[in-house]
């Protein structure tokens, strides 16, 4: 039986490489988005701790209260800045995800074509092998008849 050889194998390898490249880009930007979300969560936690600390010492020191308010304000500004960065990264992530899905569809199309061609090839090879076996058994049978 002849081995199946896909004529577009090099193109398929290129498509697989392209898909992997977009997948890595998507993973990188997803990691950045997760990092931003985690940082925003940490800021919220720190803000809550500071708020509680401020209320526990509310009667003691006005300077401390003012410092807590300034710190909370800086945390809010930082969270807002990170939120804006996150929004930009999420938009970029959407674009990269679209390109990844497109590359994936192209690769899958070639994969399906390869599978169908391989199936047809092996089916044809089995038919030819069956014909060869039929010819062989016919030859052996006819040889026995003449002997």
C-alpha atoms as a PDB file:
ATOM      1  CA  UNK A   1       0.000   0.000   0.000  1.00  0.00           C
ATOM      2  CA  UNK A   2       1.384   3.401  -0.986  1.00  0.00           C
ATOM      3  CA  UNK A   3       1.814   5.959   1.745  1.00  0.00           C
ATOM      4  CA  UNK A   4      -0.457   9.016   1.592  1.00  0.00           C
ATOM      5  CA  UNK A   5       1.308  12.259   0.768  1.00  0.00           C
ATOM      6  CA  UNK A   6      -0.588  15.529   1.215  1.00  0.00           C
ATOM      7  CA  UNK A   7       0.506  17.987  -1.466  1.00  0.00           C
ATOM      8  CA  UNK A   8      -0.322  21.009   0.681  1.00  0.00           C
ATOM      9  CA  UNK A   9       1.600  19.783   3.732  1.00  0.00           C
ATOM     10  CA  UNK A  10       3.998  22.757   3.711  1.00  0.00           C
ATOM     11  CA  UNK A  11       1.073  25.189   3.558  1.00  0.00           C
ATOM     12  CA  UNK A  12      -0.559  23.310   6.438  1.00  0.00           C
ATOM     13  CA  UNK A  13       2.643  23.635   8.493  1.00  0.00           C
ATOM     14  CA  UNK A  14       2.703  27.377   7.786  1.00  0.00           C
ATOM     15  CA  UNK A  15      -0.935  27.688   8.860  1.00  0.00           C
ATOM     16  CA  UNK A  16      -0.211  25.720  12.053  1.00  0.00           C
ATOM     17  CA  UNK A  17       2.763  27.991  12.794  1.00  0.00           C
ATOM     18  CA  UNK A  18       0.651  31.085  12.170  1.00  0.00           C
ATOM     19  CA  UNK A  19      -2.096  29.770  14.448  1.00  0.00           C
ATOM     20  CA  UNK A  20       0.423  29.002  17.205  1.00  0.00           C
ATOM     21  CA  UNK A  21       1.890  32.498  16.861  1.00  0.00           C
ATOM     22  CA  UNK A  22      -1.540  34.125  17.333  1.00  0.00           C
ATOM     23  CA  UNK A  23      -2.274  31.755  20.202  1.00  0.00           C
ATOM     24  CA  UNK A  24       0.890  32.916  21.981  1.00  0.00           C
ATOM     25  CA  UNK A  25      -0.011  36.568  21.376  1.00  0.00           C
ATOM     26  CA  UNK A  26      -3.478  35.896  22.791  1.00  0.00           C
ATOM     27  CA  UNK A  27      -1.996  34.158  25.844  1.00  0.00           C
ATOM     28  CA  UNK A  28       0.379  37.078  26.434  1.00  0.00           C
ATOM     29  CA  UNK A  29      -2.333  39.732  26.316  1.00  0.00           C
ATOM     30  CA  UNK A  30      -4.675  37.574  28.418  1.00  0.00           C
ATOM     31  CA  UNK A  31      -1.946  37.325  31.041  1.00  0.00           C
ATOM     32  CA  UNK A  32      -1.638  41.125  31.041  1.00  0.00           C
ATOM     33  CA  UNK A  33      -5.409  41.526  31.458  1.00  0.00           C
ATOM     34  CA  UNK A  34      -5.489  39.065  34.346  1.00  0.00           C
ATOM     35  CA  UNK A  35      -2.578  40.898  35.959  1.00  0.00           C
ATOM     36  CA  UNK A  36      -4.423  44.220  35.685  1.00  0.00           C
ATOM     37  CA  UNK A  37      -7.581  42.706  37.171  1.00  0.00           C
ATOM     38  CA  UNK A  38      -5.590  41.221  40.029  1.00  0.00           C
ATOM     39  CA  UNK A  39      -3.895  44.545  40.682  1.00  0.00           C
ATOM     40  CA  UNK A  40      -7.269  46.329  40.751  1.00  0.00           C
ATOM     41  CA  UNK A  41      -8.491  43.710  43.243  1.00  0.00           C
ATOM     42  CA  UNK A  42      -5.418  44.283  45.409  1.00  0.00           C
ATOM     43  CA  UNK A  43      -6.042  48.036  45.323  1.00  0.00           C
ATOM     44  CA  UNK A  44      -9.656  47.514  46.411  1.00  0.00           C
ATOM     45  CA  UNK A  45      -8.495  45.319  49.283  1.00  0.00           C
ATOM     46  CA  UNK A  46      -5.899  47.893  50.341  1.00  0.00           C
ATOM     47  CA  UNK A  47      -8.514  50.646  50.113  1.00  0.00           C
ATOM     48  CA  UNK A  48     -10.890  48.657  52.337  1.00  0.00           C
ATOM     49  CA  UNK A  49      -8.142  48.014  54.909  1.00  0.00           C
ATOM     50  CA  UNK A  50      -7.219  51.687  54.977  1.00  0.00           C
ATOM     51  CA  UNK A  51     -10.863  52.682  55.292  1.00  0.00           C
ATOM     52  CA  UNK A  52     -11.318  50.353  58.272  1.00  0.00           C
ATOM     53  CA  UNK A  53      -8.111  51.587  59.894  1.00  0.00           C
ATOM     54  CA  UNK A  54      -9.237  55.174  59.422  1.00  0.00           C
ATOM     55  CA  UNK A  55     -12.562  54.535  61.140  1.00  0.00           C
ATOM     56  CA  UNK A  56     -10.934  52.715  64.035  1.00  0.00           C
ATOM     57  CA  UNK A  57      -8.745  55.767  64.763  1.00  0.00           C
ATOM     58  CA  UNK A  58     -11.283  58.411  63.758  1.00  0.00           C
ATOM     59  CA  UNK A  59     -11.209  60.337  67.045  1.00  0.00           C
ATOM     60  CA  UNK A  60      -7.464  60.291  67.654  1.00  0.00           C
ATOM     61  CA  UNK A  61      -5.507  62.161  64.994  1.00  0.00           C
ATOM     62  CA  UNK A  62      -6.695  64.542  62.275  1.00  0.00           C
ATOM     63  CA  UNK A  63      -3.340  64.341  60.508  1.00  0.00           C
ATOM     64  CA  UNK A  64      -3.697  60.569  60.284  1.00  0.00           C
ATOM     65  CA  UNK A  65      -7.234  60.921  58.917  1.00  0.00           C
ATOM     66  CA  UNK A  66      -6.063  63.343  56.241  1.00  0.00           C
ATOM     67  CA  UNK A  67      -3.197  61.030  55.290  1.00  0.00           C
ATOM     68  CA  UNK A  68      -5.645  58.109  55.011  1.00  0.00           C
ATOM     69  CA  UNK A  69      -7.933  60.163  52.769  1.00  0.00           C
ATOM     70  CA  UNK A  70      -5.020  61.120  50.518  1.00  0.00           C
ATOM     71  CA  UNK A  71      -3.863  57.514  50.358  1.00  0.00           C
ATOM     72  CA  UNK A  72      -7.364  56.297  49.470  1.00  0.00           C
ATOM     73  CA  UNK A  73      -7.577  59.017  46.807  1.00  0.00           C
ATOM     74  CA  UNK A  74      -4.243  57.912  45.303  1.00  0.00           C
ATOM     75  CA  UNK A  75      -5.428  54.292  45.333  1.00  0.00           C
ATOM     76  CA  UNK A  76      -8.617  55.300  43.515  1.00  0.00           C
ATOM     77  CA  UNK A  77      -6.618  57.235  40.895  1.00  0.00           C
ATOM     78  CA  UNK A  78      -4.296  54.309  40.414  1.00  0.00           C
ATOM     79  CA  UNK A  79      -7.240  51.889  40.080  1.00  0.00           C
ATOM     80  CA  UNK A  80      -8.832  54.236  37.535  1.00  0.00           C
ATOM     81  CA  UNK A  81      -5.597  54.414  35.535  1.00  0.00           C
ATOM     82  CA  UNK A  82      -5.204  50.636  35.598  1.00  0.00           C
ATOM     83  CA  UNK A  83      -8.867  50.259  34.627  1.00  0.00           C
ATOM     84  CA  UNK A  84      -8.288  52.444  31.573  1.00  0.00           C
ATOM     85  CA  UNK A  85      -5.227  50.392  30.651  1.00  0.00           C
ATOM     86  CA  UNK A  86      -7.277  47.235  31.139  1.00  0.00           C
ATOM     87  CA  UNK A  87      -9.978  48.561  28.822  1.00  0.00           C
ATOM     88  CA  UNK A  88      -7.388  49.251  26.089  1.00  0.00           C
ATOM     89  CA  UNK A  89      -5.858  45.797  26.559  1.00  0.00           C
ATOM     90  CA  UNK A  90      -9.288  44.135  26.443  1.00  0.00           C
ATOM     91  CA  UNK A  91     -10.000  45.842  23.105  1.00  0.00           C
ATOM     92  CA  UNK A  92      -6.631  44.686  21.774  1.00  0.00           C
ATOM     93  CA  UNK A  93      -7.358  41.208  23.125  1.00  0.00           C
ATOM     94  CA  UNK A  94     -10.605  41.132  21.129  1.00  0.00           C
ATOM     95  CA  UNK A  95      -8.727  41.990  17.923  1.00  0.00           C
ATOM     96  CA  UNK A  96      -6.056  39.388  18.577  1.00  0.00           C
ATOM     97  CA  UNK A  97      -8.700  36.790  19.412  1.00  0.00           C
ATOM     98  CA  UNK A  98     -10.415  37.451  16.069  1.00  0.00           C
ATOM     99  CA  UNK A  99      -7.120  36.986  14.214  1.00  0.00           C
ATOM    100  CA  UNK A 100      -6.423  33.806  16.184  1.00  0.00           C
ATOM    101  CA  UNK A 101      -9.862  32.415  15.324  1.00  0.00           C
ATOM    102  CA  UNK A 102      -9.312  33.251  11.651  1.00  0.00           C
ATOM    103  CA  UNK A 103      -5.917  31.511  11.649  1.00  0.00           C
ATOM    104  CA  UNK A 104      -7.475  28.536  13.433  1.00  0.00           C
ATOM    105  CA  UNK A 105     -10.277  28.290  10.842  1.00  0.00           C
ATOM    106  CA  UNK A 106      -7.742  28.356   8.000  1.00  0.00           C
ATOM    107  CA  UNK A 107      -5.708  25.584   9.606  1.00  0.00           C
ATOM    108  CA  UNK A 108      -8.784  23.493  10.362  1.00  0.00           C
ATOM    109  CA  UNK A 109      -9.942  23.841   6.755  1.00  0.00           C
ATOM    110  CA  UNK A 110      -6.648  22.415   5.512  1.00  0.00           C
ATOM    111  CA  UNK A 111      -6.787  19.695   8.187  1.00  0.00           C
ATOM    112  CA  UNK A 112     -10.248  18.634   7.014  1.00  0.00           C
ATOM    113  CA  UNK A 113      -9.064  18.638   3.397  1.00  0.00           C
ATOM    114  CA  UNK A 114      -6.068  16.510   4.353  1.00  0.00           C
ATOM    115  CA  UNK A 115      -8.311  14.075   6.234  1.00  0.00           C
ATOM    116  CA  UNK A 116     -10.724  13.726   3.325  1.00  0.00           C
ATOM    117  CA  UNK A 117      -7.922  13.218   0.819  1.00  0.00           C
ATOM    118  CA  UNK A 118      -6.258  10.647   3.070  1.00  0.00           C
ATOM    119  CA  UNK A 119      -9.544   8.807   3.479  1.00  0.00           C
ATOM    120  CA  UNK A 120     -10.080   8.748  -0.296  1.00  0.00           C
ATOM    121  CA  UNK A 121      -6.490   7.625  -0.870  1.00  0.00           C
ATOM    122  CA  UNK A 122      -6.676   4.724   1.580  1.00  0.00           C
ATOM    123  CA  UNK A 123     -10.095   3.698   0.289  1.00  0.00           C
ATOM    124  CA  UNK A 124      -8.719   3.630  -3.267  1.00  0.00           C
ATOM    125  CA  UNK A 125      -5.643   1.690  -2.106  1.00  0.00           C
ATOM    126  CA  UNK A 126      -7.843  -0.901  -0.360  1.00  0.00           C
ATOM    127  CA  UNK A 127      -9.920  -1.329  -3.525  1.00  0.00           C
ATOM    128  CA  UNK A 128      -6.763  -1.817  -5.603  1.00  0.00           C
ATOM    129  CA  UNK A 129      -5.404  -4.256  -3.047  1.00  0.00           C
ATOM    130  CA  UNK A 130      -8.688  -6.169  -3.176  1.00  0.00           C
ATOM    131  CA  UNK A 131      -8.496  -6.273  -6.992  1.00  0.00           C
ATOM    132  CA  UNK A 132      -4.915  -7.535  -6.818  1.00  0.00           C
ATOM    133  CA  UNK A 133      -5.936 -10.278  -4.366  1.00  0.00           C
ATOM    134  CA  UNK A 134      -8.869 -11.216  -6.620  1.00  0.00           C
ATOM    135  CA  UNK A 135      -6.537 -11.462  -9.619  1.00  0.00           C
ATOM    136  CA  UNK A 136      -4.128 -13.579  -7.615  1.00  0.00           C
ATOM    137  CA  UNK A 137      -6.805 -15.977  -6.397  1.00  0.00           C
ATOM    138  CA  UNK A 138      -8.273 -16.186  -9.915  1.00  0.00           C
ATOM    139  CA  UNK A 139      -4.828 -17.012 -11.312  1.00  0.00           C
ATOM    140  CA  UNK A 140      -4.255 -19.688  -8.676  1.00  0.00           C
ATOM    141  CA  UNK A 141      -7.711 -21.178  -9.268  1.00  0.00           C
ATOM    142  CA  UNK A 142      -7.304 -21.230 -13.060  1.00  0.00           C
ATOM    143  CA  UNK A 143      -3.869 -22.792 -12.720  1.00  0.00           C
ATOM    144  CA  UNK A 144      -5.399 -25.616 -10.633  1.00  0.00           C
ATOM    145  CA  UNK A 145      -8.044 -26.166 -13.309  1.00  0.00           C
ATOM    146  CA  UNK A 146      -5.438 -26.715 -16.026  1.00  0.00           C
ATOM    147  CA  UNK A 147      -3.246 -29.015 -13.966  1.00  0.00           C
END
